[in-house]
Amino acid sequence: MVKVSCINEYSLLNVTKRYQKMLCDAQHCLSLFLIGDEQRVWGDIMRNLTNWQDGIRSLIWEEQHRQAGRLLHVDNVEEYIDKILVNADFLCLHTLDKCLGFVAYYCKDPATPDAFITLFILAPEVRGSGLAASLINGVTAQSRQYNCSRLKLWVHKNNADALRFYYRQGFRSCARREHMLLMELPICSESGSELPRSKVMET
């Protein structure tokens, strides 16, 4: 059973002033939720997120269409979505009635020191707000709890905006596969101590 908890410390972390009034408006209160299989259930949050999977599914399809099918290079998009909804952990941005973004990631494999982001999407209306950095910080914080030392993800080499963002957060390129670059972010030092949070992208 999927359980939900709220991470208040990341709710409006690193949000640029341009977006603070919009996000704090009573009719559009923004919350950041962690969805995973070992988190405590909060009743009020569950009532607000009864359709959280539908919100994620809709956002994926919207972005897939926006990118003319280039977001996900899979044979069956619905099967891919079903797979990550079952197997991945999620950090989600929600208003009262809409999913504005999420990160789907894996960090609980004891056989590897790596956490891995499999999908990261923000709705167009909140891009450039600083919320992307908040999501990265949230994922790194959760990954540390499972003793991960690196956070990794694949990015298309021609996706200049994404590359610029990840480099500013402290990621570096560590491998290449055809048109894709593997990026990694060290999240613990060799001694196991926590590294500083990623820098904020304020554009």
Protein backbone atom coordinates (compact mmCIF):
# COMPACT_ATOMS: atom_id res chain seq x y z
CA MET A 1 0.00 0.00 0.00
CA VAL A 2 1.37 3.41 -0.94
CA LYS A 3 1.63 5.78 1.99
CA VAL A 4 1.97 9.54 2.01
CA SER A 5 3.67 12.07 4.26
CA CYS A 6 4.35 15.79 4.08
CA ILE A 7 7.84 17.27 4.25
CA ASN A 8 7.12 20.77 5.45
CA GLU A 9 10.75 21.90 5.42
CA TYR A 10 10.81 21.72 1.62
CA SER A 11 7.36 23.19 0.94
CA LEU A 12 8.47 26.62 -0.26
CA LEU A 13 12.23 26.15 -0.05
CA ASN A 14 14.23 28.07 -2.65
CA VAL A 15 11.18 29.56 -4.34
CA THR A 16 11.99 32.83 -6.07
CA LYS A 17 10.07 35.93 -4.99
CA ARG A 18 8.31 36.06 -8.33
CA TYR A 19 6.31 32.97 -7.37
CA GLN A 20 5.89 33.30 -3.61
CA LYS A 21 2.64 35.27 -3.68
CA MET A 22 1.05 32.89 -6.17
CA LEU A 23 2.08 29.81 -4.23
CA CYS A 24 1.01 31.18 -0.85
CA ASP A 25 -2.43 32.28 -2.07
CA ALA A 26 -5.12 30.55 -0.01
CA GLN A 27 -6.78 29.18 -3.13
CA HIS A 28 -3.55 27.74 -4.53
CA CYS A 29 -1.67 26.55 -1.45
CA LEU A 30 1.35 24.53 -2.56
CA SER A 31 2.50 21.47 -0.67
CA LEU A 32 5.37 19.09 -1.26
CA PHE A 33 4.60 15.45 -0.54
CA LEU A 34 6.79 12.40 -0.25
CA ILE A 35 5.15 9.25 -1.53
CA GLY A 36 6.83 5.99 -0.66
CA ASP A 37 6.24 2.60 0.87
CA GLU A 38 7.62 3.32 4.33
CA GLN A 39 6.13 6.70 5.17
CA ARG A 40 3.51 7.55 7.76
CA VAL A 41 -0.02 8.27 6.51
CA TRP A 42 -1.43 11.74 7.29
CA GLY A 43 -5.23 11.84 7.08
CA ASP A 44 -5.63 15.39 5.75
CA ILE A 45 -2.99 14.83 3.10
CA MET A 46 -4.56 11.59 1.97
CA ARG A 47 -7.88 13.37 1.47
CA ASN A 48 -6.16 16.00 -0.69
CA LEU A 49 -4.19 13.39 -2.66
CA THR A 50 -6.74 10.69 -3.29
CA ASN A 51 -6.05 11.08 -7.02
CA TRP A 52 -2.30 11.68 -6.86
CA GLN A 53 -1.61 8.93 -9.39
CA ASP A 54 -4.05 10.47 -11.85
CA GLY A 55 -2.26 13.82 -11.48
CA ILE A 56 1.10 12.24 -12.24
CA ARG A 57 -0.28 10.32 -15.18
CA SER A 58 -1.86 13.46 -16.65
CA LEU A 59 1.33 15.48 -16.24
CA ILE A 60 3.39 12.79 -17.98
CA TRP A 61 1.04 12.65 -20.95
CA GLU A 62 0.89 16.45 -21.20
CA GLU A 63 4.67 16.65 -21.34
CA GLN A 64 4.90 13.72 -23.76
CA HIS A 65 2.59 15.57 -26.14
CA ARG A 66 4.36 18.90 -25.55
CA GLN A 67 7.65 17.29 -26.59
CA ALA A 68 6.05 15.54 -29.58
CA GLY A 69 6.69 12.08 -28.14
CA ARG A 70 10.34 12.68 -27.30
CA LEU A 71 10.02 12.64 -23.49
CA LEU A 72 9.70 8.88 -23.11
CA HIS A 73 11.39 6.58 -25.60
CA VAL A 74 9.42 3.47 -24.69
CA ASP A 75 7.17 1.14 -26.66
CA ASN A 76 4.21 1.53 -24.31
CA VAL A 77 3.88 4.74 -22.28
CA GLU A 78 1.00 3.45 -20.14
CA GLU A 79 2.99 0.36 -19.13
CA TYR A 80 5.95 2.56 -18.20
CA ILE A 81 3.73 4.82 -16.09
CA ASP A 82 2.15 1.83 -14.35
CA LYS A 83 5.62 0.44 -13.62
CA ILE A 84 6.97 3.57 -11.93
CA LEU A 85 3.74 4.13 -10.00
CA VAL A 86 4.21 0.69 -8.47
CA ASN A 87 7.99 0.59 -8.02
CA ALA A 88 9.34 4.12 -7.64
CA ASP A 89 9.19 6.61 -4.80
CA PHE A 90 7.78 10.05 -5.61
CA LEU A 91 8.26 13.60 -4.43
CA CYS A 92 5.26 15.58 -5.66
CA LEU A 93 4.25 19.23 -5.85
CA HIS A 94 0.53 19.72 -5.46
CA THR A 95 -1.97 22.53 -5.20
CA LEU A 96 -5.40 21.65 -3.86
CA ASP A 97 -6.53 20.51 -7.30
CA LYS A 98 -3.50 19.93 -9.50
CA CYS A 99 -0.15 18.18 -9.67
CA LEU A 100 2.45 20.79 -10.65
CA GLY A 101 5.45 18.49 -10.71
CA PHE A 102 7.11 15.37 -9.40
CA VAL A 103 10.30 13.37 -9.22
CA ALA A 104 10.12 9.58 -9.58
CA TYR A 105 13.24 7.96 -8.15
CA TYR A 106 14.79 4.82 -6.66
CA CYS A 107 17.01 4.86 -3.57
CA LYS A 108 16.42 1.61 -1.66
CA ASP A 109 18.60 -0.95 -3.41
CA PRO A 110 21.19 -2.08 -0.84
CA ALA A 111 23.34 -3.50 -3.65
CA THR A 112 24.23 -0.04 -4.98
CA PRO A 113 25.32 3.26 -3.40
CA ASP A 114 23.42 5.15 -6.10
CA ALA A 115 19.99 6.72 -6.03
CA PHE A 116 18.48 7.17 -9.48
CA ILE A 117 15.95 9.66 -10.84
CA THR A 118 13.93 7.96 -13.55
CA LEU A 119 11.59 10.87 -14.36
CA PHE A 120 11.43 14.55 -13.36
CA ILE A 121 8.68 16.85 -14.65
CA LEU A 122 7.53 20.34 -13.71
CA ALA A 123 4.43 21.98 -15.17
CA PRO A 124 5.32 24.92 -17.46
CA GLU A 125 3.70 27.48 -15.15
CA VAL A 126 6.18 26.82 -12.32
CA ARG A 127 9.39 26.37 -14.31
CA GLY A 128 12.02 28.91 -13.36
CA SER A 129 10.48 29.28 -9.88
CA GLY A 130 13.21 27.55 -7.89
CA LEU A 131 10.92 24.62 -7.12
CA ALA A 132 13.02 22.24 -9.21
CA ALA A 133 15.93 22.77 -6.82
CA SER A 134 13.60 22.08 -3.88
CA LEU A 135 12.64 18.76 -5.42
CA ILE A 136 16.28 17.81 -5.98
CA ASN A 137 17.06 18.70 -2.37
CA GLY A 138 14.15 16.60 -1.20
CA VAL A 139 15.30 13.58 -3.16
CA THR A 140 18.88 13.89 -1.93
CA ALA A 141 17.67 14.14 1.68
CA GLN A 142 15.61 10.96 1.31
CA SER A 143 18.42 9.16 -0.52
CA ARG A 144 20.84 9.87 2.32
CA GLN A 145 18.49 8.10 4.70
CA TYR A 146 19.09 4.94 2.69
CA ASN A 147 22.88 5.46 2.71
CA CYS A 148 23.12 6.51 -0.92
CA SER A 149 26.26 8.47 -1.77
CA ARG A 150 25.37 9.57 -5.31
CA LEU A 151 22.26 10.69 -7.17
CA LYS A 152 22.20 9.86 -10.89
CA LEU A 153 20.01 10.49 -13.92
CA TRP A 154 20.12 10.44 -17.73
CA VAL A 155 19.75 13.64 -19.78
CA HIS A 156 19.67 14.11 -23.55
CA LYS A 157 22.87 15.81 -24.64
CA ASN A 158 20.91 18.43 -26.62
CA ASN A 159 18.63 19.40 -23.72
CA ALA A 160 20.48 22.61 -22.95
CA ASP A 161 18.04 23.90 -20.33
CA ALA A 162 18.13 20.67 -18.34
CA LEU A 163 21.91 20.40 -18.56
CA ARG A 164 22.30 23.99 -17.40
CA PHE A 165 20.02 23.32 -14.44
CA TYR A 166 21.74 20.12 -13.36
CA TYR A 167 25.22 21.60 -13.64
CA ARG A 168 24.11 24.48 -11.43
CA GLN A 169 22.84 22.01 -8.84
CA GLY A 170 26.28 20.38 -8.71
CA PHE A 171 25.76 17.43 -11.07
CA ARG A 172 28.55 16.39 -13.39
CA SER A 173 28.65 14.22 -16.49
CA CYS A 174 30.12 10.79 -15.82
CA ALA A 175 29.17 8.63 -18.83
CA ARG A 176 27.65 8.78 -22.31
CA ARG A 177 25.30 6.45 -24.17
CA GLU A 178 24.43 7.41 -27.74
CA HIS A 179 22.64 10.77 -27.35
CA MET A 180 22.30 10.57 -23.57
CA LEU A 181 24.56 11.80 -20.79
CA LEU A 182 24.66 10.18 -17.36
CA MET A 183 24.81 12.87 -14.68
CA GLU A 184 25.74 12.31 -11.05
CA LEU A 185 25.58 14.40 -7.88
CA PRO A 186 27.68 13.36 -4.86
CA ILE A 187 25.39 13.59 -1.83
CA CYS A 188 27.76 12.23 0.83
CA SER A 189 31.49 12.62 1.22
CA GLU A 190 33.80 9.63 1.28
CA SER A 191 33.66 9.72 5.07
CA GLY A 192 29.87 9.48 4.92
CA SER A 193 29.19 13.05 6.07
CA GLU A 194 26.44 15.06 4.44
CA LEU A 195 27.40 17.45 1.66
CA PRO A 196 25.75 20.88 1.33
CA ARG A 197 22.42 21.14 -0.48
CA SER A 198 22.51 21.92 -4.16
CA LYS A 199 22.60 25.52 -5.27
CA VAL A 200 19.40 27.22 -6.28
CA MET A 201 18.68 27.96 -9.89
CA GLU A 202 17.03 31.38 -10.01
CA THR A 203 15.99 32.16 -13.54
